[in-house]
């Protein structure tokens, strides 16, 4: 998921940081109950499934990117 998100952000020409978080304390702070999860601007937008690049792109468009 991390690689797909990173690749998609780059392909869309967005200047945003893509971070891979493994610290369970930080993961739990987001309220994530199943991984993998995708968080955009501190909001959990997906959890519990691996997203393809096209899925990440759709989510980012839906969020206005």
N, C-alpha and C. Protein backbone atom coordinates (compact mmCIF):
# COMPACT_ATOMS: atom_id res chain seq x y z
N UNK A 1 0.83 -1.18 0.00
CA UNK A 1 0.00 0.00 0.00
C UNK A 1 0.87 1.25 0.00
N UNK A 2 1.92 1.26 0.81
CA UNK A 2 2.81 2.41 0.88
C UNK A 2 3.39 2.74 -0.49
N UNK A 3 3.90 1.72 -1.17
CA UNK A 3 4.50 1.93 -2.49
C UNK A 3 3.47 2.45 -3.49
N UNK A 4 2.26 1.90 -3.45
CA UNK A 4 1.20 2.36 -4.35
C UNK A 4 0.82 3.81 -4.06
N UNK A 5 0.74 4.17 -2.80
CA UNK A 5 0.41 5.55 -2.44
C UNK A 5 1.52 6.49 -2.89
N UNK A 6 2.75 6.11 -2.65
CA UNK A 6 3.90 6.93 -3.04
C UNK A 6 3.95 7.13 -4.56
N UNK A 7 3.76 6.05 -5.28
CA UNK A 7 3.78 6.10 -6.74
C UNK A 7 2.64 6.98 -7.28
N UNK A 8 1.47 6.85 -6.70
CA UNK A 8 0.31 7.61 -7.15
C UNK A 8 0.47 9.09 -6.89
N UNK A 9 0.96 9.45 -5.71
CA UNK A 9 1.18 10.85 -5.37
C UNK A 9 2.16 11.48 -6.35
N UNK A 10 3.22 10.75 -6.66
CA UNK A 10 4.22 11.25 -7.61
C UNK A 10 3.62 11.40 -9.00
N UNK A 11 2.88 10.38 -9.45
CA UNK A 11 2.27 10.40 -10.79
C UNK A 11 1.26 11.54 -10.94
N UNK A 12 0.58 11.88 -9.83
CA UNK A 12 -0.40 12.97 -9.87
C UNK A 12 0.27 14.34 -9.75
N UNK A 13 1.57 14.35 -9.50
CA UNK A 13 2.29 15.61 -9.38
C UNK A 13 1.99 16.36 -8.09
N UNK A 14 1.59 15.64 -7.06
CA UNK A 14 1.25 16.26 -5.78
C UNK A 14 2.51 16.38 -4.92
N UNK A 15 2.60 17.48 -4.20
CA UNK A 15 3.73 17.64 -3.29
C UNK A 15 3.24 17.40 -1.86
N UNK A 16 3.12 16.13 -1.53
CA UNK A 16 2.71 15.75 -0.18
C UNK A 16 3.62 14.63 0.29
N UNK A 17 3.78 14.56 1.58
CA UNK A 17 4.63 13.54 2.17
C UNK A 17 3.86 12.24 2.31
N UNK A 18 4.48 11.16 1.92
CA UNK A 18 3.91 9.83 2.10
C UNK A 18 4.78 9.13 3.12
N UNK A 19 4.14 8.71 4.20
CA UNK A 19 4.88 8.16 5.33
C UNK A 19 4.39 6.74 5.64
N UNK A 20 5.31 5.85 5.95
CA UNK A 20 4.99 4.49 6.34
C UNK A 20 5.14 4.40 7.85
N UNK A 21 4.05 4.18 8.55
CA UNK A 21 4.08 4.20 10.02
C UNK A 21 3.92 2.77 10.53
N UNK A 22 4.88 2.36 11.35
CA UNK A 22 4.81 1.03 11.97
C UNK A 22 4.67 1.11 13.49
N UNK A 23 4.78 2.30 14.04
CA UNK A 23 4.65 2.51 15.48
C UNK A 23 3.19 2.29 15.87
N UNK A 24 2.92 1.17 16.55
CA UNK A 24 1.54 0.82 16.89
C UNK A 24 0.85 1.87 17.75
N UNK A 25 1.59 2.56 18.58
CA UNK A 25 1.00 3.63 19.39
C UNK A 25 0.43 4.72 18.48
N UNK A 26 1.20 5.11 17.48
CA UNK A 26 0.75 6.15 16.55
C UNK A 26 -0.42 5.64 15.71
N UNK A 27 -0.34 4.39 15.29
CA UNK A 27 -1.44 3.79 14.51
C UNK A 27 -2.72 3.83 15.32
N UNK A 28 -2.64 3.46 16.59
CA UNK A 28 -3.81 3.44 17.46
C UNK A 28 -4.35 4.84 17.73
N UNK A 29 -3.48 5.85 17.72
CA UNK A 29 -3.92 7.23 17.91
C UNK A 29 -4.88 7.66 16.80
N UNK A 30 -4.73 7.08 15.63
CA UNK A 30 -5.63 7.38 14.52
C UNK A 30 -6.94 6.60 14.62
N UNK A 31 -7.02 5.68 15.55
CA UNK A 31 -8.22 4.87 15.71
C UNK A 31 -8.29 3.72 14.71
N UNK A 32 -7.17 3.38 14.13
CA UNK A 32 -7.13 2.30 13.15
C UNK A 32 -7.26 0.96 13.88
N UNK A 33 -8.23 0.17 13.45
CA UNK A 33 -8.45 -1.12 14.08
C UNK A 33 -7.97 -2.29 13.23
N UNK A 34 -7.76 -2.04 11.93
CA UNK A 34 -7.20 -3.09 11.07
C UNK A 34 -6.29 -2.43 10.03
N UNK A 35 -5.20 -3.12 9.75
CA UNK A 35 -4.21 -2.59 8.83
C UNK A 35 -4.22 -3.41 7.55
N UNK A 36 -3.76 -2.88 6.45
CA UNK A 36 -3.17 -1.55 6.32
C UNK A 36 -4.24 -0.47 6.34
N UNK A 37 -3.80 0.74 6.61
CA UNK A 37 -4.70 1.89 6.62
C UNK A 37 -4.05 3.02 5.85
N UNK A 38 -4.89 3.91 5.31
CA UNK A 38 -4.41 5.08 4.61
C UNK A 38 -4.99 6.30 5.31
N UNK A 39 -4.11 7.20 5.72
CA UNK A 39 -4.51 8.43 6.41
C UNK A 39 -4.09 9.60 5.54
N UNK A 40 -5.02 10.51 5.28
CA UNK A 40 -4.72 11.71 4.50
C UNK A 40 -5.12 12.91 5.33
N UNK A 41 -4.17 13.81 5.54
CA UNK A 41 -4.41 15.01 6.35
C UNK A 41 -5.03 14.67 7.70
N UNK A 42 -4.42 13.68 8.36
CA UNK A 42 -4.82 13.25 9.71
C UNK A 42 -6.19 12.57 9.77
N UNK A 43 -6.77 12.21 8.62
CA UNK A 43 -8.07 11.55 8.59
C UNK A 43 -7.90 10.16 7.96
N UNK A 44 -8.40 9.14 8.64
CA UNK A 44 -8.34 7.78 8.10
C UNK A 44 -9.34 7.69 6.95
N UNK A 45 -8.84 7.36 5.75
CA UNK A 45 -9.72 7.27 4.58
C UNK A 45 -9.90 5.84 4.10
N UNK A 46 -9.07 4.93 4.60
CA UNK A 46 -9.20 3.52 4.24
C UNK A 46 -8.51 2.68 5.30
N UNK A 47 -9.10 1.55 5.63
CA UNK A 47 -8.42 0.62 6.52
C UNK A 47 -8.87 -0.80 6.23
N UNK A 48 -7.95 -1.73 6.46
CA UNK A 48 -8.27 -3.14 6.33
C UNK A 48 -8.16 -3.72 4.94
N UNK A 49 -7.70 -2.92 3.97
CA UNK A 49 -7.52 -3.49 2.63
C UNK A 49 -6.35 -2.82 1.93
N UNK A 50 -5.69 -3.60 1.09
CA UNK A 50 -4.58 -3.09 0.30
C UNK A 50 -5.17 -2.42 -0.93
N UNK A 51 -4.83 -1.15 -1.11
CA UNK A 51 -5.35 -0.39 -2.24
C UNK A 51 -4.39 -0.42 -3.41
N UNK A 52 -4.94 -0.60 -4.62
CA UNK A 52 -4.15 -0.49 -5.83
C UNK A 52 -3.92 1.01 -6.08
N UNK A 53 -2.98 1.31 -6.95
CA UNK A 53 -2.70 2.71 -7.29
C UNK A 53 -3.95 3.42 -7.77
N UNK A 54 -4.77 2.75 -8.57
CA UNK A 54 -6.00 3.38 -9.08
C UNK A 54 -6.97 3.69 -7.95
N UNK A 55 -7.01 2.85 -6.92
CA UNK A 55 -7.87 3.10 -5.76
C UNK A 55 -7.39 4.31 -4.98
N UNK A 56 -6.06 4.41 -4.81
CA UNK A 56 -5.48 5.55 -4.10
C UNK A 56 -5.80 6.83 -4.87
N UNK A 57 -5.66 6.78 -6.19
CA UNK A 57 -5.94 7.97 -7.01
C UNK A 57 -7.40 8.39 -6.88
N UNK A 58 -8.32 7.44 -6.92
CA UNK A 58 -9.75 7.75 -6.77
C UNK A 58 -10.01 8.42 -5.42
N UNK A 59 -9.41 7.87 -4.36
CA UNK A 59 -9.60 8.45 -3.03
C UNK A 59 -9.06 9.87 -2.97
N UNK A 60 -7.88 10.10 -3.54
CA UNK A 60 -7.29 11.43 -3.52
C UNK A 60 -8.12 12.42 -4.31
N UNK A 61 -8.65 11.99 -5.45
CA UNK A 61 -9.56 12.87 -6.24
C UNK A 61 -10.81 13.19 -5.44
N UNK A 62 -11.35 12.19 -4.78
CA UNK A 62 -12.56 12.37 -3.98
C UNK A 62 -12.31 13.39 -2.85
N UNK A 63 -11.06 13.41 -2.37
CA UNK A 63 -10.71 14.35 -1.30
C UNK A 63 -10.30 15.72 -1.83
N UNK A 64 -10.37 15.89 -3.14
CA UNK A 64 -10.11 17.20 -3.73
C UNK A 64 -8.68 17.43 -4.21
N UNK A 65 -7.90 16.37 -4.35
CA UNK A 65 -6.52 16.52 -4.83
C UNK A 65 -6.46 16.26 -6.32
